[in-house]
Amino acid sequence: MKKNYLITGAAGFIGFHISKKLLEKGENVIGIDNMNNYYDLNLKKHRLFLLKKFRNFVFVCFDISDKKKLTSLFKKYQFEYVINFAAQAGVRYSITNPDEYINSNIIGFYNILEMCRFFPVKHLIYASSSSVYGASKKNEFEEIDNVDNPVSLYAATKKSNELIAYSYSHLYGIPTTGLRFFTVYGPLGRPDMAYYSFTNNFFKNKEIEIYNNGDFKNDLYRDFTYIEDVVDAIEKIIKKIPKKENDYRILNIGNNKPEKLMVFIKVLEESLSKSLNKSVVFNKKFVKLKKEDVKKTYASIRRIKRLIEYNPKTDIREGLQKFADWYVEYHITKKRYF
């Protein structure tokens, strides 16, 4: 029998990909998205176009901070699983637009928890972020680490999500799993992410800003995680419901293989060169690291590997080549649909 999944942020990057995977397996997916203009709306419309090809997909457009509309939706459908990926993303954007983060990431998430309280579900999965680790100097970031010092408002809202989820799991027995994502990238990704914005700037003949001040010996490191590896993990986690005596869980989803930012940029240039059949070299401007940024992200994946069979297998050369091929098809040859 088909199950009903609620996926918030369904027109977003990860929300789209997990929706598509579940739809392909024949599950019923009800997707919510507020379709805000934080980044290119045409990309969100394109993702929705691809999802609406499935008869088992229903889309509703509103913000999860609207409790009245959310209540009506939960009354209409008996959701077995809720995947909450609706959130205002972006570290730097949170510096100048704090209201957006409180409205979506705090109030919206509280509303989701309230719905799961009054309309019980088997499992609530929600997006946290590797940004909660702040400026940790550890070699590997583990879920048991102290994360009481977020260096951005975005990170603070994600840490708040984890705390509130713990309270609701403890008080009302809601099985929750928070996923700390580590720099997810790939086709149909977010244009505000560095790899995507670097590519956009190349085609606009603009320079790219690299926040390492030209200090290659102390380069930035990021644990880049390819979208297909992330979706594979989420699909397996859905059915791994926390036991009643331990309703709350936090998991890292990363690659466990940090790459130097400059190496990542070089591979991106090579990937675009191959996709375009011509040499691509970014015009680089090195600037000082901003105080809301962190120097390194590095996911320990021991906990998730104890729970599921999780072996991220996509290296940055394969992943960035897939992104570059998609980018050229979507942006350059204009194979897009809305």
Protein backbone atom coordinates (compact mmCIF):
# COMPACT_ATOMS: atom_id res chain seq x y z
CA MET A 1 0.00 0.00 0.00
CA LYS A 2 1.31 3.44 -0.94
CA LYS A 3 2.36 5.73 1.90
CA ASN A 4 1.81 9.47 2.13
CA TYR A 5 4.96 11.55 2.46
CA LEU A 6 4.93 15.26 3.22
CA ILE A 7 8.04 16.98 1.90
CA THR A 8 8.44 20.66 2.70
CA GLY A 9 10.81 22.66 0.53
CA ALA A 10 9.91 20.32 -2.35
CA ALA A 11 11.02 22.86 -4.97
CA GLY A 12 14.38 23.23 -3.24
CA PHE A 13 17.57 21.38 -4.09
CA ILE A 14 17.54 18.41 -1.70
CA GLY A 15 13.74 18.46 -1.36
CA PHE A 16 13.36 18.06 -5.11
CA HIS A 17 15.80 15.16 -5.36
CA ILE A 18 14.32 13.12 -2.49
CA SER A 19 10.78 13.82 -3.79
CA LYS A 20 11.77 12.52 -7.22
CA LYS A 21 13.36 9.39 -5.75
CA LEU A 22 10.27 8.55 -3.69
CA LEU A 23 7.92 9.26 -6.61
CA GLU A 24 9.93 6.93 -8.83
CA LYS A 25 9.41 4.20 -6.24
CA GLY A 26 5.63 4.76 -6.42
CA GLU A 27 5.11 6.58 -3.10
CA ASN A 28 2.62 9.43 -2.72
CA VAL A 29 4.38 12.75 -2.20
CA ILE A 30 2.65 15.96 -1.12
CA GLY A 31 5.08 18.80 -1.58
CA ILE A 32 5.04 22.26 0.02
CA ASP A 33 7.11 25.24 -1.02
CA ASN A 34 6.60 28.98 -0.61
CA MET A 35 8.46 29.66 -3.90
CA ASN A 36 10.32 32.66 -2.50
CA ASN A 37 12.79 34.60 -4.63
CA TYR A 38 15.92 33.99 -2.53
CA TYR A 39 17.36 32.61 -5.76
CA ASP A 40 16.22 32.13 -9.36
CA LEU A 41 12.53 31.20 -9.37
CA ASN A 42 12.85 29.67 -12.83
CA LEU A 43 15.05 26.93 -11.41
CA LYS A 44 12.44 26.14 -8.75
CA LYS A 45 9.73 26.09 -11.43
CA HIS A 46 11.86 23.75 -13.52
CA ARG A 47 12.23 21.34 -10.59
CA LEU A 48 8.47 21.44 -10.02
CA PHE A 49 7.82 20.79 -13.70
CA LEU A 50 9.86 17.59 -13.42
CA LEU A 51 7.98 16.50 -10.27
CA LYS A 52 4.54 17.24 -11.71
CA LYS A 53 5.14 14.61 -14.38
CA PHE A 54 4.32 12.06 -11.69
CA ARG A 55 0.64 11.35 -11.04
CA ASN A 56 1.42 10.56 -7.41
CA PHE A 57 2.71 14.09 -6.74
CA VAL A 58 0.59 16.89 -5.26
CA PHE A 59 1.97 20.40 -4.86
CA VAL A 60 0.69 23.17 -2.60
CA CYS A 61 2.24 26.63 -2.46
CA PHE A 62 2.40 28.29 0.94
CA ASP A 63 4.79 29.01 3.78
CA ILE A 64 5.04 26.57 6.69
CA SER A 65 4.84 29.57 9.03
CA ASP A 66 1.13 29.63 8.09
CA LYS A 67 -0.19 27.32 10.79
CA LYS A 68 -3.80 27.47 9.61
CA LYS A 69 -2.98 26.19 6.11
CA LEU A 70 -0.60 23.60 7.51
CA THR A 71 -3.32 22.29 9.84
CA SER A 72 -5.77 21.95 6.93
CA LEU A 73 -3.21 19.95 4.98
CA PHE A 74 -2.52 17.55 7.85
CA LYS A 75 -6.26 17.06 8.30
CA LYS A 76 -6.71 16.24 4.61
CA TYR A 77 -3.86 13.73 4.33
CA GLN A 78 -2.80 11.09 6.81
CA PHE A 79 0.95 11.51 6.59
CA GLU A 80 3.09 8.60 7.67
CA TYR A 81 6.38 10.39 7.10
CA VAL A 82 7.26 14.08 7.21
CA ILE A 83 10.51 15.37 5.69
CA ASN A 84 11.01 19.02 6.58
CA PHE A 85 13.52 20.66 4.27
CA ALA A 86 11.75 24.02 4.08
CA ALA A 87 14.09 26.62 5.53
CA GLN A 88 15.73 29.90 4.69
CA ALA A 89 19.21 28.89 3.61
CA GLY A 90 22.46 30.79 3.38
CA VAL A 91 25.00 31.92 5.95
CA ARG A 92 25.75 35.39 4.57
CA TYR A 93 22.11 36.22 3.77
CA SER A 94 21.29 35.74 7.47
CA ILE A 95 23.50 38.70 8.36
CA THR A 96 21.24 41.17 6.54
CA ASN A 97 17.87 39.37 6.56
CA PRO A 98 17.40 37.86 10.03
CA ASP A 99 13.59 38.04 9.93
CA GLU A 100 13.45 35.47 7.14
CA TYR A 101 15.34 32.94 9.27
CA ILE A 102 13.23 33.36 12.37
CA ASN A 103 10.00 33.14 10.38
CA SER A 104 10.85 30.03 8.38
CA ASN A 105 13.47 28.19 10.41
CA ILE A 106 12.03 28.75 13.89
CA ILE A 107 8.30 29.47 13.60
CA GLY A 108 7.85 27.22 10.58
CA PHE A 109 9.69 24.33 12.21
CA TYR A 110 7.68 24.77 15.43
CA ASN A 111 4.49 24.49 13.34
CA ILE A 112 5.71 21.24 11.77
CA LEU A 113 6.40 19.79 15.22
CA GLU A 114 2.95 20.86 16.41
CA MET A 115 1.36 19.08 13.44
CA CYS A 116 3.31 15.91 14.18
CA ARG A 117 2.17 16.19 17.78
CA PHE A 118 -1.56 16.40 16.97
CA PHE A 119 -1.46 14.25 13.81
CA PRO A 120 1.07 11.55 14.80
CA VAL A 121 3.53 10.36 12.16
CA LYS A 122 5.91 7.42 12.06
CA HIS A 123 9.00 9.55 11.53
CA LEU A 124 9.89 13.24 11.21
CA ILE A 125 13.15 13.94 9.37
CA TYR A 126 14.41 17.51 9.21
CA ALA A 127 17.38 19.41 7.82
CA SER A 128 20.00 20.65 10.21
CA SER A 129 23.42 21.79 8.98
CA SER A 130 27.14 21.29 9.41
CA SER A 131 27.24 25.02 10.21
CA VAL A 132 26.21 24.19 13.80
CA TYR A 133 29.81 23.07 14.43
CA GLY A 134 30.97 26.67 14.07
CA ALA A 135 34.74 27.22 14.10
CA SER A 136 35.55 23.80 15.56
CA LYS A 137 39.24 22.92 15.41
CA LYS A 138 38.67 19.15 15.62
CA ASN A 139 39.89 16.93 12.81
CA GLU A 140 36.46 15.35 12.47
CA PHE A 141 33.13 16.83 13.53
CA GLU A 142 31.11 14.34 15.58
CA GLU A 143 27.47 14.50 16.60
CA ILE A 144 28.47 14.41 20.29
CA ASP A 145 30.57 17.59 19.96
CA ASN A 146 29.57 20.74 21.83
CA VAL A 147 27.82 23.05 19.34
CA ASP A 148 26.89 25.91 21.64
CA ASN A 149 28.83 28.58 19.70
CA PRO A 150 27.26 29.09 16.26
CA VAL A 151 29.03 31.79 14.23
CA SER A 152 25.99 32.79 12.13
CA LEU A 153 22.28 33.29 12.71
CA TYR A 154 21.59 30.55 10.17
CA ALA A 155 23.63 28.11 12.28
CA ALA A 156 21.85 29.31 15.43
CA THR A 157 18.43 28.54 13.91
CA LYS A 158 19.57 25.03 12.96
CA LYS A 159 20.90 24.40 16.45
CA SER A 160 17.56 25.68 17.78
CA ASN A 161 15.74 23.17 15.56
CA GLU A 162 17.69 20.34 17.15
CA LEU A 163 16.91 21.55 20.68
CA ILE A 164 13.19 22.03 20.02
CA ALA A 165 12.98 18.64 18.30
CA TYR A 166 14.57 17.05 21.35
CA SER A 167 11.93 18.61 23.61
CA TYR A 168 9.05 17.46 21.41
CA SER A 169 10.49 13.97 21.08
CA HIS A 170 10.90 13.74 24.85
CA LEU A 171 7.49 15.21 25.74
CA TYR A 172 5.29 13.79 23.00
CA GLY A 173 7.14 10.73 21.71
CA ILE A 174 7.65 12.10 18.19
CA PRO A 175 10.39 10.08 16.44
CA THR A 176 12.74 12.71 14.97
CA THR A 177 15.99 12.57 13.03
CA GLY A 178 17.98 15.73 12.32
CA LEU A 179 20.41 15.60 9.41
CA ARG A 180 23.54 17.76 9.51
CA PHE A 181 24.31 18.18 5.81
CA PHE A 182 27.87 18.92 4.70
CA THR A 183 28.14 21.11 1.55
CA VAL A 184 25.75 19.24 -0.72
CA TYR A 185 26.34 19.86 -4.44
CA GLY A 186 25.25 18.56 -7.84
CA PRO A 187 22.86 19.10 -10.78
CA LEU A 188 19.83 21.35 -10.15
CA GLY A 189 21.67 22.73 -7.13
CA ARG A 190 21.40 26.06 -5.33
CA PRO A 191 22.76 29.07 -7.25
CA ASP A 192 23.91 30.69 -4.00
CA MET A 193 26.38 27.87 -3.36
CA ALA A 194 30.00 28.65 -4.27
CA TYR A 195 30.46 26.10 -7.07
CA TYR A 196 27.27 27.32 -8.81
CA SER A 197 27.95 31.04 -8.32
CA PHE A 198 31.55 30.59 -9.55
CA THR A 199 30.19 29.03 -12.73
CA ASN A 200 27.61 31.79 -13.17
CA ASN A 201 30.29 34.43 -12.76
CA PHE A 202 32.49 32.81 -15.40
CA PHE A 203 29.75 33.07 -17.99
CA LYS A 204 29.04 36.67 -16.94
CA ASN A 205 32.74 37.53 -17.31
CA LYS A 206 32.92 38.37 -13.62
CA GLU A 207 35.64 37.50 -11.15
CA ILE A 208 35.02 34.99 -8.37
CA GLU A 209 35.75 35.87 -4.76
CA ILE A 210 37.70 33.30 -2.76
CA TYR A 211 37.66 33.81 0.99
CA ASN A 212 41.13 32.54 1.86
CA ASN A 213 43.09 35.79 1.38
CA GLY A 214 45.39 33.97 -1.05
CA ASP A 215 46.85 31.88 1.76
CA PHE A 216 47.21 28.55 -0.05
CA LYS A 217 49.12 26.91 2.80
CA ASN A 218 46.11 27.46 5.06
CA ASP A 219 43.42 26.92 2.48
CA LEU A 220 39.76 26.38 3.32
CA TYR A 221 38.56 22.78 3.45
CA ARG A 222 35.03 21.60 2.71
CA ASP A 223 33.50 18.15 3.02
CA PHE A 224 31.71 18.21 -0.35
CA THR A 225 28.86 15.68 -0.54
CA TYR A 226 27.26 14.73 -3.84
CA ILE A 227 23.46 14.90 -4.01
CA GLU A 228 22.92 11.27 -5.09
CA ASP A 229 24.85 10.01 -2.05
CA VAL A 230 22.72 12.26 0.16
CA VAL A 231 19.43 11.05 -1.34
CA ASP A 232 20.50 7.42 -1.00
CA ALA A 233 21.18 8.01 2.70
CA ILE A 234 17.87 9.81 3.32
CA GLU A 235 15.89 7.04 1.63
CA LYS A 236 17.44 4.46 3.95
CA ILE A 237 17.07 6.64 7.07
CA ILE A 238 13.32 7.13 6.52
CA LYS A 239 12.55 3.55 7.48
CA LYS A 240 15.08 3.47 10.33
CA ILE A 241 12.65 4.92 12.86
CA PRO A 242 14.10 5.81 16.27
CA LYS A 243 12.99 3.39 18.96
CA LYS A 244 10.41 4.52 21.50
CA GLU A 245 12.95 4.75 24.30
CA ASN A 246 15.17 6.96 22.13
CA ASP A 247 12.92 9.04 19.89
CA TYR A 248 15.54 11.67 19.07
CA ARG A 249 18.56 11.33 16.77
CA ILE A 250 21.14 13.55 15.05
CA LEU A 251 23.21 12.33 12.08
CA ASN A 252 25.99 13.80 9.98
CA ILE A 253 25.61 13.33 6.24
CA GLY A 254 28.98 14.10 4.68
CA ASN A 255 31.64 12.61 2.46
CA ASN A 256 34.25 12.16 5.23
CA LYS A 257 36.85 13.45 2.80
CA PRO A 258 37.46 17.21 2.99
CA GLU A 259 38.91 18.84 -0.11
CA LYS A 260 40.94 22.04 -0.37
CA LEU A 261 38.82 24.81 -1.83
CA MET A 262 41.48 25.60 -4.45
CA VAL A 263 41.56 21.95 -5.56
CA PHE A 264 37.77 21.97 -5.83
CA ILE A 265 37.92 25.12 -7.99
CA LYS A 266 40.56 23.60 -10.25
CA VAL A 267 38.45 20.46 -10.77
CA LEU A 268 35.41 22.64 -11.51
CA GLU A 269 37.40 24.52 -14.17
CA GLU A 270 38.49 21.21 -15.70
CA SER A 271 34.92 19.85 -15.66
CA LEU A 272 33.52 22.93 -17.38
CA SER A 273 36.35 22.79 -19.92
CA LYS A 274 35.34 19.23 -20.80
CA SER A 275 31.63 20.10 -21.02
CA LEU A 276 32.29 23.11 -23.27
CA ASN A 277 35.20 21.68 -25.25
CA LYS A 278 37.24 24.79 -24.50
CA SER A 279 39.54 25.98 -21.76
CA VAL A 280 37.87 27.48 -18.67
CA VAL A 281 39.90 29.50 -16.16
CA PHE A 282 38.16 31.60 -13.52
CA ASN A 283 39.23 35.19 -12.89
CA LYS A 284 40.02 34.93 -9.17
CA LYS A 285 39.98 37.59 -6.48
CA PHE A 286 41.31 36.57 -3.08
CA VAL A 287 39.67 38.27 -0.12
CA LYS A 288 39.73 37.95 3.66
CA LEU A 289 37.71 35.21 5.34
CA LYS A 290 34.46 36.65 6.70
CA LYS A 291 33.62 36.23 10.37
CA GLU A 292 30.50 34.19 9.61
CA ASP A 293 32.53 31.64 7.61
CA VAL A 294 34.41 28.63 8.96
CA LYS A 295 37.79 27.36 7.79
CA LYS A 296 37.01 23.66 7.66
CA THR A 297 34.15 21.19 7.63
CA TYR A 298 34.86 17.50 8.13
CA ALA A 299 32.08 15.01 8.83
CA SER A 300 32.53 11.97 11.00
CA ILE A 301 30.19 9.39 9.48
CA ARG A 302 30.71 6.62 12.03
CA ARG A 303 27.26 7.09 13.59
CA ILE A 304 25.33 6.98 10.31
CA LYS A 305 27.30 3.94 9.15
CA ARG A 306 26.21 2.10 12.30
CA LEU A 307 22.59 2.83 11.36
CA ILE A 308 22.54 2.23 7.60
CA GLU A 309 24.77 1.05 4.79
CA TYR A 310 26.25 4.44 3.95
CA ASN A 311 29.30 4.66 1.72
CA PRO A 312 29.45 7.94 -0.21
CA LYS A 313 31.03 6.90 -3.47
CA THR A 314 31.03 10.02 -5.64
CA ASP A 315 34.34 11.91 -5.71
CA ILE A 316 34.50 15.56 -6.72
CA ARG A 317 35.73 14.82 -10.26
CA GLU A 318 32.70 12.66 -11.02
CA GLY A 319 30.27 14.90 -9.14
CA LEU A 320 31.48 18.19 -10.63
CA GLN A 321 31.49 16.71 -14.13
CA LYS A 322 27.83 15.77 -13.73
CA PHE A 323 27.08 19.28 -12.47
CA ALA A 324 29.00 20.91 -15.34
CA ASP A 325 27.24 18.78 -17.97
CA TRP A 326 23.84 19.67 -16.46
CA TYR A 327 24.74 23.37 -16.16
CA VAL A 328 25.69 23.64 -19.83
CA GLU A 329 22.52 21.83 -20.89
CA TYR A 330 20.24 23.93 -18.68
CA HIS A 331 21.86 27.37 -18.88
CA ILE A 332 23.72 27.37 -22.19
CA THR A 333 21.64 25.20 -24.53
CA LYS A 334 18.51 26.29 -22.62
CA LYS A 335 16.94 22.85 -22.23
CA ARG A 336 14.60 23.95 -19.47
CA TYR A 337 10.90 23.66 -18.75
CA PHE A 338 8.56 25.46 -16.35
